[in-house]
N, C-alpha and C. Protein backbone atom coordinates (compact mmCIF):
# COMPACT_ATOMS: atom_id res chain seq x y z
N UNK A 1 18.57 -16.21 -36.95
CA UNK A 1 18.30 -14.91 -37.54
C UNK A 1 18.82 -13.77 -36.65
N UNK A 2 18.69 -13.94 -35.33
CA UNK A 2 19.16 -12.90 -34.42
C UNK A 2 20.67 -12.69 -34.54
N UNK A 3 21.41 -13.76 -34.75
CA UNK A 3 22.86 -13.65 -34.90
C UNK A 3 23.22 -12.82 -36.13
N UNK A 4 22.38 -12.88 -37.16
CA UNK A 4 22.64 -12.08 -38.36
C UNK A 4 22.46 -10.59 -38.07
N UNK A 5 21.55 -10.26 -37.19
CA UNK A 5 21.31 -8.85 -36.84
C UNK A 5 22.44 -8.34 -35.95
N UNK A 6 22.84 -9.14 -34.99
CA UNK A 6 23.89 -8.74 -34.05
C UNK A 6 25.25 -8.75 -34.74
N UNK A 7 25.46 -9.70 -35.61
CA UNK A 7 26.77 -9.84 -36.24
C UNK A 7 27.59 -10.82 -35.44
N UNK A 8 28.75 -10.42 -35.00
CA UNK A 8 29.61 -11.27 -34.19
C UNK A 8 29.14 -11.21 -32.74
N UNK A 9 28.70 -12.35 -32.22
CA UNK A 9 28.16 -12.40 -30.85
C UNK A 9 29.24 -12.05 -29.84
N UNK A 10 30.45 -12.51 -30.05
CA UNK A 10 31.55 -12.20 -29.13
C UNK A 10 31.80 -10.70 -29.07
N UNK A 11 31.72 -10.03 -30.19
CA UNK A 11 31.91 -8.58 -30.23
C UNK A 11 30.78 -7.87 -29.48
N UNK A 12 29.56 -8.37 -29.65
CA UNK A 12 28.41 -7.76 -28.96
C UNK A 12 28.53 -7.92 -27.45
N UNK A 13 28.97 -9.09 -27.00
CA UNK A 13 29.15 -9.33 -25.56
C UNK A 13 30.26 -8.43 -25.02
N UNK A 14 31.35 -8.31 -25.74
CA UNK A 14 32.44 -7.43 -25.31
C UNK A 14 31.97 -5.98 -25.24
N UNK A 15 31.16 -5.56 -26.20
CA UNK A 15 30.61 -4.19 -26.17
C UNK A 15 29.74 -3.98 -24.95
N UNK A 16 28.91 -4.97 -24.62
CA UNK A 16 28.03 -4.84 -23.45
C UNK A 16 28.84 -4.78 -22.14
N UNK A 17 29.91 -5.57 -22.08
CA UNK A 17 30.75 -5.55 -20.87
C UNK A 17 31.43 -4.19 -20.72
N UNK A 18 32.00 -3.69 -21.81
CA UNK A 18 32.67 -2.38 -21.77
C UNK A 18 31.67 -1.27 -21.45
N UNK A 19 30.46 -1.34 -22.03
CA UNK A 19 29.42 -0.35 -21.73
C UNK A 19 29.03 -0.38 -20.26
N UNK A 20 28.92 -1.57 -19.70
CA UNK A 20 28.56 -1.71 -18.28
C UNK A 20 29.65 -1.14 -17.39
N UNK A 21 30.90 -1.47 -17.70
CA UNK A 21 32.02 -0.92 -16.91
C UNK A 21 32.08 0.60 -17.02
N UNK A 22 31.86 1.12 -18.21
CA UNK A 22 31.89 2.57 -18.40
C UNK A 22 30.78 3.27 -17.65
N UNK A 23 29.58 2.70 -17.67
CA UNK A 23 28.48 3.33 -16.94
C UNK A 23 28.69 3.23 -15.44
N UNK A 24 29.26 2.14 -14.98
CA UNK A 24 29.57 2.01 -13.55
C UNK A 24 30.61 3.03 -13.11
N UNK A 25 31.63 3.21 -13.93
CA UNK A 25 32.66 4.21 -13.62
C UNK A 25 32.06 5.62 -13.61
N UNK A 26 31.20 5.91 -14.57
CA UNK A 26 30.54 7.22 -14.61
C UNK A 26 29.68 7.43 -13.36
N UNK A 27 29.00 6.38 -12.91
CA UNK A 27 28.16 6.49 -11.70
C UNK A 27 29.02 6.76 -10.47
N UNK A 28 30.15 6.09 -10.36
CA UNK A 28 31.04 6.30 -9.21
C UNK A 28 31.61 7.71 -9.22
N UNK A 29 32.05 8.17 -10.37
CA UNK A 29 32.60 9.54 -10.48
C UNK A 29 31.52 10.56 -10.15
N UNK A 30 30.31 10.34 -10.64
CA UNK A 30 29.21 11.26 -10.35
C UNK A 30 28.90 11.30 -8.86
N UNK A 31 28.88 10.14 -8.22
CA UNK A 31 28.61 10.08 -6.78
C UNK A 31 29.67 10.81 -5.98
N UNK A 32 30.94 10.57 -6.31
CA UNK A 32 32.02 11.24 -5.59
C UNK A 32 31.99 12.75 -5.80
N UNK A 33 31.68 13.17 -7.02
CA UNK A 33 31.59 14.60 -7.31
C UNK A 33 30.42 15.23 -6.56
N UNK A 34 29.29 14.55 -6.51
CA UNK A 34 28.13 15.07 -5.80
C UNK A 34 28.41 15.18 -4.31
N UNK A 35 29.11 14.18 -3.76
CA UNK A 35 29.46 14.25 -2.34
C UNK A 35 30.42 15.41 -2.07
N UNK A 36 31.31 15.67 -2.99
CA UNK A 36 32.26 16.78 -2.82
C UNK A 36 31.52 18.12 -2.87
N UNK A 37 30.54 18.22 -3.78
CA UNK A 37 29.80 19.47 -3.92
C UNK A 37 28.84 19.71 -2.76
N UNK A 38 28.40 18.63 -2.12
CA UNK A 38 27.43 18.75 -1.03
C UNK A 38 28.18 18.99 0.26
N UNK A 39 28.06 20.19 0.80
CA UNK A 39 28.74 20.55 2.04
C UNK A 39 27.71 20.53 3.16
N UNK A 40 27.91 19.62 4.11
CA UNK A 40 26.92 19.49 5.18
C UNK A 40 26.89 20.71 6.09
N UNK A 41 27.98 21.47 6.17
CA UNK A 41 27.97 22.65 7.02
C UNK A 41 26.97 23.68 6.51
N UNK A 42 26.76 23.73 5.20
CA UNK A 42 25.76 24.64 4.64
C UNK A 42 24.38 24.23 5.11
N UNK A 43 24.11 22.92 5.14
CA UNK A 43 22.83 22.42 5.62
C UNK A 43 22.62 22.73 7.09
N UNK A 44 23.68 22.59 7.89
CA UNK A 44 23.58 22.89 9.31
C UNK A 44 23.28 24.37 9.54
N UNK A 45 23.93 25.24 8.79
CA UNK A 45 23.66 26.68 8.91
C UNK A 45 22.22 27.00 8.53
N UNK A 46 21.71 26.35 7.49
CA UNK A 46 20.33 26.58 7.07
C UNK A 46 19.36 26.15 8.16
N UNK A 47 19.64 25.04 8.82
CA UNK A 47 18.76 24.56 9.90
C UNK A 47 18.79 25.53 11.07
N UNK A 48 19.99 25.97 11.45
CA UNK A 48 20.10 26.92 12.55
C UNK A 48 19.37 28.22 12.23
N UNK A 49 19.51 28.70 10.99
CA UNK A 49 18.83 29.92 10.57
C UNK A 49 17.32 29.74 10.61
N UNK A 50 16.84 28.59 10.12
CA UNK A 50 15.40 28.31 10.12
C UNK A 50 14.87 28.25 11.53
N UNK A 51 15.57 27.56 12.43
CA UNK A 51 15.10 27.43 13.81
C UNK A 51 15.16 28.78 14.53
N UNK A 52 16.14 29.60 14.18
CA UNK A 52 16.25 30.91 14.81
C UNK A 52 15.11 31.84 14.44
N UNK A 53 14.57 31.70 13.23
CA UNK A 53 13.47 32.56 12.77
C UNK A 53 12.10 31.99 13.07
N UNK A 54 12.01 30.72 13.46
CA UNK A 54 10.71 30.10 13.66
C UNK A 54 10.57 29.54 15.09
N UNK A 55 10.92 30.33 16.05
CA UNK A 55 10.75 29.90 17.45
C UNK A 55 9.30 30.08 17.84
N UNK A 56 8.82 29.12 18.62
CA UNK A 56 7.41 29.20 19.07
C UNK A 56 7.32 29.88 20.39
């Protein structure tokens, strides 16, 4: 009965493989873009500014 719902099992498996590859590619592109947008020098400046204003 499940095969009747899915239709062609080979087509369903191919769809799942393509979906997995597509989501993996999207994750990699998102990670690379996030790393590009995240500039560590901005974080360093924020820490220096915070420490400069909060000396004990």
